[in-house]
Protein backbone atom coordinates (compact mmCIF):
# COMPACT_ATOMS: atom_id res chain seq x y z
CA UNK A 1 -117.10 32.17 60.43
CA UNK A 2 -119.05 32.06 63.66
CA UNK A 3 -122.82 32.67 63.54
CA UNK A 4 -123.84 36.24 64.00
CA UNK A 5 -127.05 37.94 65.02
CA UNK A 6 -128.23 41.39 64.41
CA UNK A 7 -128.77 43.60 67.36
CA UNK A 8 -132.08 42.73 69.22
CA UNK A 9 -135.09 44.65 68.41
CA UNK A 10 -138.40 44.49 70.18
CA UNK A 11 -140.00 42.49 67.45
CA UNK A 12 -137.45 39.86 67.63
CA UNK A 13 -137.97 39.67 71.32
CA UNK A 14 -141.72 39.19 70.87
CA UNK A 15 -141.23 36.48 68.23
CA UNK A 16 -138.55 34.59 70.24
CA UNK A 17 -140.41 34.38 73.62
CA UNK A 18 -144.15 35.02 72.66
CA UNK A 19 -145.89 38.23 73.63
CA UNK A 20 -146.78 36.91 77.10
CA UNK A 21 -143.54 35.35 77.95
CA UNK A 22 -141.59 38.37 76.70
CA UNK A 23 -143.60 40.91 78.42
CA UNK A 24 -143.16 38.75 81.70
CA UNK A 25 -139.37 38.87 81.31
CA UNK A 26 -139.34 42.56 80.72
CA UNK A 27 -141.66 43.12 83.80
CA UNK A 28 -139.33 41.09 86.02
CA UNK A 29 -136.31 43.15 84.82
CA UNK A 30 -138.43 46.33 85.69
CA UNK A 31 -139.34 44.86 89.18
CA UNK A 32 -135.92 43.92 89.64
CA UNK A 33 -134.76 47.55 89.26
CA UNK A 34 -137.73 49.00 91.21
CA UNK A 35 -135.46 51.57 92.97
CA UNK A 36 -134.26 52.96 89.67
CA UNK A 37 -135.98 53.89 86.44
CA UNK A 38 -134.97 51.39 83.93
CA UNK A 39 -135.30 52.33 80.29
CA UNK A 40 -137.01 49.97 77.92
CA UNK A 41 -134.12 49.34 75.77
CA UNK A 42 -132.20 48.18 78.70
CA UNK A 43 -134.89 46.00 79.99
CA UNK A 44 -135.41 44.33 76.46
CA UNK A 45 -131.74 43.70 76.27
CA UNK A 46 -131.35 41.93 79.60
CA UNK A 47 -134.69 39.91 78.87
CA UNK A 48 -133.31 38.68 75.44
CA UNK A 49 -133.90 34.88 75.11
CA UNK A 50 -130.61 34.61 73.17
CA UNK A 51 -128.65 35.19 76.60
CA UNK A 52 -127.01 31.89 77.63
CA UNK A 53 -128.36 30.45 80.93
CA UNK A 54 -124.97 30.65 82.37
CA UNK A 55 -125.25 34.54 82.20
CA UNK A 56 -128.91 34.75 83.23
CA UNK A 57 -128.51 32.67 86.27
CA UNK A 58 -126.16 35.50 87.61
CA UNK A 59 -128.61 38.27 87.12
CA UNK A 60 -130.21 38.08 90.59
CA UNK A 61 -126.86 38.81 92.07
CA UNK A 62 -125.35 41.27 89.26
CA UNK A 63 -128.42 43.27 88.61
CA UNK A 64 -127.53 44.17 85.02
CA UNK A 65 -130.61 46.30 84.28
CA UNK A 66 -130.32 48.65 87.26
CA UNK A 67 -126.51 48.90 87.03
CA UNK A 68 -126.59 49.74 83.21
CA UNK A 69 -129.40 52.14 83.91
CA UNK A 70 -127.13 53.83 86.60
CA UNK A 71 -124.36 53.99 84.01
CA UNK A 72 -126.52 55.60 81.39
CA UNK A 73 -125.77 53.49 78.48
CA UNK A 74 -128.00 54.28 75.50
CA UNK A 75 -128.68 53.25 71.73
CA UNK A 76 -126.06 54.53 69.46
CA UNK A 77 -123.33 54.74 71.95
CA UNK A 78 -119.68 53.80 71.43
CA UNK A 79 -118.74 51.83 74.54
CA UNK A 80 -115.60 49.77 75.50
CA UNK A 81 -116.04 46.72 77.78
CA UNK A 82 -112.50 46.77 79.31
CA UNK A 83 -111.42 43.34 80.39
CA UNK A 84 -114.70 41.87 79.43
CA UNK A 85 -114.10 38.20 80.81
CA UNK A 86 -116.71 35.86 79.34
CA UNK A 87 -118.64 38.82 77.82
CA UNK A 88 -121.40 38.80 80.44
CA UNK A 89 -122.03 42.60 79.93
CA UNK A 90 -120.75 42.60 76.31
CA UNK A 91 -123.77 40.66 75.21
CA UNK A 92 -126.11 43.11 76.92
CA UNK A 93 -124.36 46.06 75.68
CA UNK A 94 -124.53 45.23 72.16
CA UNK A 95 -128.26 44.95 72.08
CA UNK A 96 -128.55 48.28 73.94
CA UNK A 97 -126.42 50.40 71.48
CA UNK A 98 -127.90 48.78 68.46
CA UNK A 99 -127.05 49.07 64.87
CA UNK A 100 -125.82 52.72 65.13
CA UNK A 101 -123.67 51.77 68.17
CA UNK A 102 -120.44 49.75 68.54
CA UNK A 103 -119.14 47.60 71.44
CA UNK A 104 -115.43 47.18 71.75
CA UNK A 105 -114.32 44.20 73.72
CA UNK A 106 -110.82 45.19 75.04
CA UNK A 107 -108.54 42.58 76.40
CA UNK A 108 -105.22 42.46 77.83
CA UNK A 109 -102.28 39.96 77.73
CA UNK A 110 -101.02 38.28 80.91
CA UNK A 111 -97.53 37.89 80.10
CA UNK A 112 -94.48 40.22 79.95
CA UNK A 113 -93.59 41.63 76.54
CA UNK A 114 -90.30 40.41 75.40
CA UNK A 115 -87.76 42.69 73.61
CA UNK A 116 -86.84 42.08 70.01
CA UNK A 117 -83.94 39.79 69.53
CA UNK A 118 -81.89 42.57 68.15
CA UNK A 119 -82.93 45.37 70.63
CA UNK A 120 -81.14 44.06 73.79
CA UNK A 121 -78.14 46.29 74.65
CA UNK A 122 -74.99 44.12 74.29
CA UNK A 123 -71.32 45.19 73.46
CA UNK A 124 -71.79 43.45 70.24
CA UNK A 125 -74.83 45.51 69.06
CA UNK A 126 -73.78 49.23 68.99
CA UNK A 127 -76.12 51.60 67.36
CA UNK A 128 -76.31 55.29 66.64
CA UNK A 129 -78.65 57.70 68.35
CA UNK A 130 -80.90 58.11 65.24
CA UNK A 131 -81.52 54.47 64.74
CA UNK A 132 -85.32 53.40 64.28
CA UNK A 133 -87.29 52.34 67.15
CA UNK A 134 -87.89 48.58 67.35
CA UNK A 135 -90.51 46.08 69.08
CA UNK A 136 -93.45 48.78 69.20
CA UNK A 137 -97.01 47.50 69.08
CA UNK A 138 -100.14 48.68 70.50
CA UNK A 139 -103.26 46.78 69.56
CA UNK A 140 -104.96 44.50 67.12
CA UNK A 141 -108.73 44.54 66.33
CA UNK A 142 -111.18 42.13 64.77
CA UNK A 143 -114.72 41.08 64.57
CA UNK A 144 -115.58 39.34 67.89
CA UNK A 145 -114.86 35.66 68.25
CA UNK A 146 -116.66 33.10 70.42
CA UNK A 147 -118.26 33.51 72.99
CA UNK A 148 -118.88 37.09 72.17
CA UNK A 149 -119.82 36.66 68.23
CA UNK A 150 -123.03 35.01 68.73
CA UNK A 151 -124.40 37.88 70.64
CA UNK A 152 -124.34 40.56 68.01
CA UNK A 153 -122.58 41.79 64.79
CA UNK A 154 -121.54 45.09 66.28
CA UNK A 155 -118.83 43.83 68.66
CA UNK A 156 -115.28 44.37 67.96
CA UNK A 157 -112.50 42.53 69.75
CA UNK A 158 -109.31 44.70 70.49
CA UNK A 159 -106.40 42.83 72.03
CA UNK A 160 -104.06 45.26 73.57
CA UNK A 161 -100.21 44.73 73.44
CA UNK A 162 -97.45 45.63 75.53
CA UNK A 163 -94.45 47.20 73.86
CA UNK A 164 -90.88 48.04 74.29
CA UNK A 165 -89.79 51.87 74.06
CA UNK A 166 -86.45 53.44 73.89
CA UNK A 167 -85.14 54.61 77.27
CA UNK A 168 -82.38 56.98 76.52
CA UNK A 169 -82.17 58.09 80.12
CA UNK A 170 -80.70 54.69 81.15
CA UNK A 171 -77.51 55.51 78.99
CA UNK A 172 -74.56 56.27 81.01
CA UNK A 173 -71.35 57.58 79.56
CA UNK A 174 -69.12 55.40 81.67
CA UNK A 175 -70.67 52.38 79.69
CA UNK A 176 -67.86 51.39 77.53
CA UNK A 177 -66.71 54.85 76.27
CA UNK A 178 -66.76 55.06 72.45
CA UNK A 179 -69.95 52.99 72.13
CA UNK A 180 -73.49 54.06 72.02
CA UNK A 181 -76.06 51.60 73.07
CA UNK A 182 -79.84 51.44 72.78
CA UNK A 183 -81.67 50.76 76.13
CA UNK A 184 -85.28 49.67 76.23
CA UNK A 185 -87.95 49.50 78.79
CA UNK A 186 -91.24 47.59 78.66
CA UNK A 187 -94.57 49.34 78.69
CA UNK A 188 -97.65 47.27 79.99
CA UNK A 189 -100.39 46.72 77.58
CA UNK A 190 -102.91 48.43 79.68
CA UNK A 191 -101.00 51.77 79.42
CA UNK A 192 -101.53 51.86 75.65
CA UNK A 193 -105.36 51.49 76.06
CA UNK A 194 -107.16 53.00 73.00
CA UNK A 195 -109.98 52.53 70.67
CA UNK A 196 -110.70 53.20 67.03
CA UNK A 197 -112.97 55.99 67.84
CA UNK A 198 -113.82 58.38 70.72
CA UNK A 199 -115.94 56.52 73.35
CA UNK A 200 -119.16 57.60 75.12
CA UNK A 201 -118.35 55.14 77.82
CA UNK A 202 -115.67 52.92 79.19
CA UNK A 203 -117.02 50.12 81.43
CA UNK A 204 -114.71 47.69 83.59
CA UNK A 205 -116.47 45.16 85.82
CA UNK A 206 -114.62 43.27 88.66
CA UNK A 207 -111.15 43.62 86.95
CA UNK A 208 -109.83 46.99 87.88
CA UNK A 209 -108.07 45.55 90.85
CA UNK A 210 -106.05 43.24 88.52
CA UNK A 211 -104.35 46.24 87.04
CA UNK A 212 -102.31 46.58 90.24
CA UNK A 213 -101.12 43.00 89.87
CA UNK A 214 -98.00 41.20 88.40
CA UNK A 215 -100.32 38.93 86.26
CA UNK A 216 -100.93 42.26 84.26
CA UNK A 217 -97.26 43.45 84.43
CA UNK A 218 -98.17 46.04 87.24
CA UNK A 219 -98.83 49.13 84.98
CA UNK A 220 -98.40 52.49 86.13
CA UNK A 221 -102.24 53.40 87.24
CA UNK A 222 -101.76 56.94 86.42
CA UNK A 223 -100.76 56.37 82.77
CA UNK A 224 -103.74 53.67 82.55
CA UNK A 225 -106.08 56.19 83.78
CA UNK A 226 -104.80 58.96 81.50
CA UNK A 227 -105.33 56.49 78.56
CA UNK A 228 -108.82 55.75 79.56
CA UNK A 229 -109.28 59.54 79.82
CA UNK A 230 -107.98 60.23 76.33
CA UNK A 231 -110.11 57.50 74.84
CA UNK A 232 -113.28 59.18 76.01
CA UNK A 233 -115.35 61.97 74.16
CA UNK A 234 -115.66 65.13 76.36
CA UNK A 235 -118.38 64.39 78.67
CA UNK A 236 -117.80 60.58 78.38
CA UNK A 237 -118.30 58.26 81.17
CA UNK A 238 -116.04 55.90 83.06
CA UNK A 239 -117.69 53.04 85.16
CA UNK A 240 -115.90 50.97 87.61
CA UNK A 241 -117.38 48.12 89.48
CA UNK A 242 -115.27 45.79 91.57
CA UNK A 243 -115.06 43.81 94.83
CA UNK A 244 -114.42 46.15 97.91
CA UNK A 245 -111.55 45.41 100.22
CA UNK A 246 -111.50 46.44 103.70
CA UNK A 247 -111.63 50.40 104.55
CA UNK A 248 -108.28 52.16 104.16
CA UNK A 249 -106.78 49.07 102.86
CA UNK A 250 -105.58 50.63 99.50
CA UNK A 251 -104.19 48.32 97.16
CA UNK A 252 -102.97 45.85 99.75
CA UNK A 253 -105.53 43.05 98.79
CA UNK A 254 -105.52 43.29 95.14
CA UNK A 255 -103.41 40.17 94.46
CA UNK A 256 -104.35 38.01 97.41
CA UNK A 257 -107.87 38.56 97.73
CA UNK A 258 -108.88 40.23 94.38
CA UNK A 259 -110.27 43.18 96.05
CA UNK A 260 -109.44 46.86 96.24
CA UNK A 261 -110.60 49.75 98.21
CA UNK A 262 -113.13 51.90 96.61
CA UNK A 263 -111.32 55.13 97.96
CA UNK A 264 -108.25 54.09 96.25
CA UNK A 265 -110.03 53.62 93.00
CA UNK A 266 -111.48 57.09 93.26
CA UNK A 267 -108.24 58.63 94.09
CA UNK A 268 -106.63 57.06 90.99
CA UNK A 269 -109.43 58.20 88.76
CA UNK A 270 -109.26 61.69 90.00
CA UNK A 271 -105.65 61.99 89.58
CA UNK A 272 -105.98 61.50 85.79
CA UNK A 273 -108.51 64.32 85.41
CA UNK A 274 -111.80 62.50 85.81
CA UNK A 275 -114.58 63.99 87.82
CA UNK A 276 -116.59 62.00 90.44
CA UNK A 277 -120.33 61.82 89.29
CA UNK A 278 -121.23 59.34 92.07
CA UNK A 279 -121.54 56.00 93.54
CA UNK A 280 -124.25 53.23 93.76
CA UNK A 281 -124.98 50.88 96.65
CA UNK A 282 -126.95 48.39 94.39
CA UNK A 283 -124.32 45.72 94.75
CA UNK A 284 -123.18 46.28 98.25
CA UNK A 285 -123.22 43.49 100.84
CA UNK A 286 -122.87 44.24 104.36
CA UNK A 287 -122.33 40.67 105.33
CA UNK A 288 -119.19 40.33 103.37
CA UNK A 289 -116.14 40.19 105.78
CA UNK A 290 -113.71 41.45 103.16
CA UNK A 291 -111.27 38.82 104.30
CA UNK A 292 -112.26 36.09 101.79
CA UNK A 293 -111.07 35.71 98.24
CA UNK A 294 -113.47 37.51 95.93
CA UNK A 295 -113.74 34.28 93.53
CA UNK A 296 -114.65 32.07 96.34
CA UNK A 297 -117.76 34.16 97.02
CA UNK A 298 -118.65 34.30 93.30
CA UNK A 299 -121.31 37.05 93.01
CA UNK A 300 -121.98 37.41 96.81
CA UNK A 301 -119.18 39.93 97.42
CA UNK A 302 -119.65 43.51 98.69
CA UNK A 303 -119.14 45.36 95.24
CA UNK A 304 -118.74 49.16 94.77
CA UNK A 305 -120.17 50.96 91.64
CA UNK A 306 -118.46 54.17 90.72
CA UNK A 307 -119.27 56.61 87.82
CA UNK A 308 -116.73 59.15 86.63
CA UNK A 309 -116.95 61.83 83.90
CA UNK A 310 -114.38 63.34 81.51
CA UNK A 311 -114.94 67.15 81.60
CA UNK A 312 -116.36 68.77 78.52
């Protein structure tokens, strides 16, 4: 079993770094977010000495304290880090929400779900209309594994799964009269987004554009955003941070450059019922030409930060 640590408390931070060092680390976080009021519990979580250097080295560009303050995450919240990557934000979130909160690290497979061996429609496998559905699956959850487990004991991994669903509308009476077949269609995992309990916040960082790509089976974005909407409590928050594409480019560059037009993102979220709360320019970079692959620029891309709310 991987080693686990309890969510960070102020006293632990003081013991881990010493009063002077810990206070200095928090001061740096507060100064870094000088344009926004940073709650102490966020500053403490970002200054946690247990965060790996591979994460803290990115803080100057990713501005986690100010970004999370804009989002409004607080102790006791139930938050989903959707497509968390290596858990850069997950490890901060778990210390913010504390013992009374929960962080769900929700990941997606990158392969097309295959039909069950006996579900393919062939002349040798007729079935009756009331036969039982096959090959359905939605998600599996478990305590977080490395590299997330060392951060906190309040993180749960959820691996969403694609599934095959009956598609009776594909049946044609001209197909071998006298036989009835089962037709199936695959539903990408992202369309089955769900959490074990209603969420206060869903956060997705630098990966929303991937939902438009073949690597994630090109899900229907209206269905994805409806699933995100359904998973939130009334009044719950959706945060989308991603690499900006050129204006009016829509989804053109999601696969080639790993970028997306923020207006496209806003359009998709609003179509699912979300209300737009506002954006933030913390991560914008006017020097980014929007023609370079986002991954080649590391944390120097022009990034947008959008906040949506599920109406109460």
